[in-house]
C-alpha atoms as a PDB file:
ATOM      1  CA  UNK A   1     -12.129  18.082  -6.000  1.00  0.00           C
ATOM      2  CA  UNK A   2     -11.055  21.094  -7.636  1.00  0.00           C
ATOM      3  CA  UNK A   3      -8.898  21.094 -11.004  1.00  0.00           C
ATOM      4  CA  UNK A   4      -9.614  16.733 -10.979  1.00  0.00           C
ATOM      5  CA  UNK A   5      -8.706  15.863 -14.432  1.00  0.00           C
ATOM      6  CA  UNK A   6     -11.605  12.968 -15.343  1.00  0.00           C
ATOM      7  CA  UNK A   7      -9.043  10.337 -15.521  1.00  0.00           C
ATOM      8  CA  UNK A   8      -8.289  11.051 -11.455  1.00  0.00           C
ATOM      9  CA  UNK A   9     -12.159  11.295 -10.837  1.00  0.00           C
ATOM     10  CA  UNK A  10     -12.023   7.753 -12.184  1.00  0.00           C
ATOM     11  CA  UNK A  11      -8.978   6.312 -10.761  1.00  0.00           C
ATOM     12  CA  UNK A  12     -10.593   7.980  -7.318  1.00  0.00           C
ATOM     13  CA  UNK A  13     -13.782   5.918  -7.953  1.00  0.00           C
ATOM     14  CA  UNK A  14     -11.798   2.369  -9.064  1.00  0.00           C
ATOM     15  CA  UNK A  15      -9.776   2.449  -5.495  1.00  0.00           C
ATOM     16  CA  UNK A  16     -12.804   3.216  -3.385  1.00  0.00           C
ATOM     17  CA  UNK A  17     -14.705   0.393  -4.825  1.00  0.00           C
ATOM     18  CA  UNK A  18     -11.917  -1.780  -4.608  1.00  0.00           C
ATOM     19  CA  UNK A  19     -10.927  -0.940  -1.241  1.00  0.00           C
ATOM     20  CA  UNK A  20     -14.980  -1.054   0.116  1.00  0.00           C
ATOM     21  CA  UNK A  21     -14.386  -5.131  -2.376  1.00  0.00           C
ATOM     22  CA  UNK A  22     -11.183  -5.857   0.215  1.00  0.00           C
ATOM     23  CA  UNK A  23     -12.549  -4.231   3.390  1.00  0.00           C
ATOM     24  CA  UNK A  24     -14.633  -7.632   3.338  1.00  0.00           C
ATOM     25  CA  UNK A  25     -13.989 -10.636   6.071  1.00  0.00           C
ATOM     26  CA  UNK A  26     -10.631 -11.968   5.417  1.00  0.00           C
ATOM     27  CA  UNK A  27      -9.897 -10.323   2.192  1.00  0.00           C
ATOM     28  CA  UNK A  28      -5.957  -8.933   2.108  1.00  0.00           C
ATOM     29  CA  UNK A  29      -3.722  -7.252  -0.614  1.00  0.00           C
ATOM     30  CA  UNK A  30      -0.802  -7.855  -1.700  1.00  0.00           C
ATOM     31  CA  UNK A  31       1.715  -5.880  -3.441  1.00  0.00           C
ATOM     32  CA  UNK A  32       4.434  -5.822  -5.041  1.00  0.00           C
ATOM     33  CA  UNK A  33       5.694  -3.300  -2.479  1.00  0.00           C
ATOM     34  CA  UNK A  34       7.161  -0.934  -4.285  1.00  0.00           C
ATOM     35  CA  UNK A  35       6.028   2.863  -4.320  1.00  0.00           C
ATOM     36  CA  UNK A  36       5.323   3.459  -8.044  1.00  0.00           C
ATOM     37  CA  UNK A  37       2.249   2.391 -10.703  1.00  0.00           C
ATOM     38  CA  UNK A  38      -0.401   0.110  -8.906  1.00  0.00           C
ATOM     39  CA  UNK A  39       0.885  -0.230  -5.936  1.00  0.00           C
ATOM     40  CA  UNK A  40       1.238   3.360  -5.404  1.00  0.00           C
ATOM     41  CA  UNK A  41      -1.964   3.977  -5.988  1.00  0.00           C
ATOM     42  CA  UNK A  42      -3.198   0.818  -3.879  1.00  0.00           C
ATOM     43  CA  UNK A  43      -1.503   1.874  -1.160  1.00  0.00           C
ATOM     44  CA  UNK A  44      -2.492   5.768  -0.955  1.00  0.00           C
ATOM     45  CA  UNK A  45      -5.874   4.521  -1.194  1.00  0.00           C
ATOM     46  CA  UNK A  46      -5.549   2.226   2.069  1.00  0.00           C
ATOM     47  CA  UNK A  47      -3.753   5.202   3.946  1.00  0.00           C
ATOM     48  CA  UNK A  48      -6.335   7.745   2.544  1.00  0.00           C
ATOM     49  CA  UNK A  49      -8.883   4.705   4.021  1.00  0.00           C
ATOM     50  CA  UNK A  50      -7.499   4.138   7.297  1.00  0.00           C
ATOM     51  CA  UNK A  51      -7.492   8.079   7.744  1.00  0.00           C
ATOM     52  CA  UNK A  52     -10.888   8.657   6.973  1.00  0.00           C
ATOM     53  CA  UNK A  53     -12.392   5.685   9.266  1.00  0.00           C
ATOM     54  CA  UNK A  54      -9.270   5.248  11.752  1.00  0.00           C
ATOM     55  CA  UNK A  55      -8.412   1.980  13.910  1.00  0.00           C
ATOM     56  CA  UNK A  56     -12.512   1.207  13.508  1.00  0.00           C
ATOM     57  CA  UNK A  57     -11.831  -0.924  10.409  1.00  0.00           C
ATOM     58  CA  UNK A  58      -8.495  -2.393   9.765  1.00  0.00           C
ATOM     59  CA  UNK A  59      -7.260  -3.597   6.037  1.00  0.00           C
ATOM     60  CA  UNK A  60      -4.688  -6.953   5.999  1.00  0.00           C
ATOM     61  CA  UNK A  61      -1.859  -5.833   3.275  1.00  0.00           C
ATOM     62  CA  UNK A  62       1.215  -7.062   2.402  1.00  0.00           C
ATOM     63  CA  UNK A  63       3.693  -5.968   0.724  1.00  0.00           C
ATOM     64  CA  UNK A  64       6.798  -8.037  -1.074  1.00  0.00           C
ATOM     65  CA  UNK A  65       9.967  -5.915  -2.389  1.00  0.00           C
ATOM     66  CA  UNK A  66      11.988  -7.131  -4.851  1.00  0.00           C
ATOM     67  CA  UNK A  67      14.621  -8.424  -2.913  1.00  0.00           C
ATOM     68  CA  UNK A  68      17.242  -6.163  -4.389  1.00  0.00           C
ATOM     69  CA  UNK A  69      15.224  -3.246  -2.853  1.00  0.00           C
ATOM     70  CA  UNK A  70      15.510  -3.926   0.406  1.00  0.00           C
ATOM     71  CA  UNK A  71      18.280  -1.507   2.396  1.00  0.00           C
ATOM     72  CA  UNK A  72      20.116  -3.119   4.583  1.00  0.00           C
ATOM     73  CA  UNK A  73      19.054  -6.521   3.933  1.00  0.00           C
ATOM     74  CA  UNK A  74      22.473  -8.197   4.872  1.00  0.00           C
ATOM     75  CA  UNK A  75      20.987  -7.719   8.643  1.00  0.00           C
ATOM     76  CA  UNK A  76      18.762 -10.200   7.480  1.00  0.00           C
ATOM     77  CA  UNK A  77      20.436 -12.885   7.330  1.00  0.00           C
ATOM     78  CA  UNK A  78      23.213 -11.937   8.549  1.00  0.00           C
ATOM     79  CA  UNK A  79      23.360 -10.743  12.754  1.00  0.00           C
ATOM     80  CA  UNK A  80      26.843  -8.766  12.869  1.00  0.00           C
ATOM     81  CA  UNK A  81      26.290  -6.325  10.831  1.00  0.00           C
ATOM     82  CA  UNK A  82      25.431  -2.517  11.127  1.00  0.00           C
ATOM     83  CA  UNK A  83      22.787  -0.256   9.958  1.00  0.00           C
ATOM     84  CA  UNK A  84      23.908   2.125   7.571  1.00  0.00           C
ATOM     85  CA  UNK A  85      21.152   4.979   7.145  1.00  0.00           C
END
């Protein structure tokens, strides 16, 4: 890990232990669904774990985003809507 600060190394260690615990049978990760703060770090840790281990071990993760942050949310409640990119 070139040029990594002590905080980043500690963060990596904590998230590695977190993923190891979450990989226990029946464990799930539930986050607030935003790409910020701890939720961002947890998402990156899950991604890195999946890349490193492939499909051999799956992690159950659910992200529940705030309604106001959902793009095209009208399409979730209205059958006659057009998706705007």
